[in-house]
Amino acid sequence: MPLGDSFCRFTVATGAPFIVEDAIQHPWTHQMPCVVSGESRCYLGIPLRMNDGDVIGTMCVYGPQATIFDTVQ
């Protein structure tokens, strides 16, 4: 999936964790193709950084159902 079509773009762009418990309700993600198709409904992404601080990617999880993430997850 191209970065521009993914949730990861928000994590990379902000350099901060990005958590979406229900993508249908989120203003940034509700019209994304993967949300509209039902492939993705929740997302949690953490930026991966080089030693100099540059974000080079994400460590993420996503799924087809709305999810409330907690500290254990």
Protein backbone atom coordinates (compact mmCIF):
# COMPACT_ATOMS: atom_id res chain seq x y z
CA MET A 1 0.00 0.00 0.00
CA PRO A 2 1.45 3.41 -0.87
CA LEU A 3 2.29 5.60 2.14
CA GLY A 4 -0.21 8.21 0.93
CA ASP A 5 -3.06 5.69 1.26
CA SER A 6 -2.08 4.41 4.70
CA PHE A 7 -2.63 5.36 8.32
CA CYS A 8 1.16 5.38 8.70
CA ARG A 9 1.39 8.67 6.80
CA PHE A 10 -0.05 10.45 9.86
CA THR A 11 2.48 8.83 12.20
CA VAL A 12 5.37 9.69 9.87
CA ALA A 13 4.15 13.26 9.23
CA THR A 14 3.63 14.14 12.90
CA GLY A 15 6.49 12.09 14.34
CA ALA A 16 4.14 11.12 17.16
CA PRO A 17 2.08 8.05 18.02
CA PHE A 18 -1.19 7.96 16.10
CA ILE A 19 -4.13 6.05 17.58
CA VAL A 20 -7.48 5.57 15.87
CA GLU A 21 -9.96 3.40 17.72
CA ASP A 22 -12.73 3.79 15.11
CA ALA A 23 -11.58 5.04 11.71
CA ILE A 24 -15.15 5.54 10.49
CA GLN A 25 -15.62 8.20 13.18
CA HIS A 26 -12.20 9.87 12.81
CA PRO A 27 -12.18 13.03 10.63
CA TRP A 28 -8.76 12.27 9.09
CA THR A 29 -9.44 8.63 8.20
CA HIS A 30 -13.14 8.06 7.52
CA GLN A 31 -12.78 8.43 3.73
CA MET A 32 -9.59 6.38 3.29
CA PRO A 33 -10.00 3.50 0.78
CA CYS A 34 -8.99 0.86 3.34
CA VAL A 35 -11.63 2.18 5.77
CA VAL A 36 -14.40 2.47 3.18
CA SER A 37 -13.68 -1.09 1.98
CA GLY A 38 -13.87 -2.45 5.54
CA GLU A 39 -10.25 -3.65 5.54
CA SER A 40 -9.20 -1.32 8.38
CA ARG A 41 -11.18 0.17 11.22
CA CYS A 42 -8.60 0.67 13.98
CA TYR A 43 -4.92 1.65 13.98
CA LEU A 44 -2.12 2.22 16.45
CA GLY A 45 1.23 3.39 15.10
CA ILE A 46 4.49 4.43 16.77
CA PRO A 47 7.22 6.24 14.79
CA LEU A 48 10.56 4.49 14.25
CA ARG A 49 13.46 6.92 14.40
CA MET A 50 17.11 7.03 13.42
CA ASN A 51 19.68 8.23 15.98
CA ASP A 52 19.41 11.73 14.51
CA GLY A 53 15.64 11.78 15.11
CA ASP A 54 14.48 11.29 11.52
CA VAL A 55 11.35 9.14 11.26
CA ILE A 56 12.03 6.22 8.90
CA GLY A 57 8.81 4.26 9.33
CA THR A 58 6.34 2.95 11.87
CA MET A 59 5.63 -0.03 14.05
CA CYS A 60 1.89 -0.47 13.80
CA VAL A 61 -1.13 -2.68 14.25
CA TYR A 62 -4.49 -2.38 12.55
CA GLY A 63 -7.64 -4.38 12.29
CA PRO A 64 -11.12 -4.65 10.77
CA GLN A 65 -13.05 -3.86 13.99
CA ALA A 66 -13.20 -0.75 16.15
CA THR A 67 -10.94 -1.31 19.17
CA ILE A 68 -10.29 0.48 22.43
CA PHE A 69 -6.53 0.28 22.96
CA ASP A 70 -5.20 0.12 26.50
CA THR A 71 -1.72 0.31 28.02
CA VAL A 72 -1.33 -3.48 28.01
CA GLN A 73 -1.75 -3.63 24.24
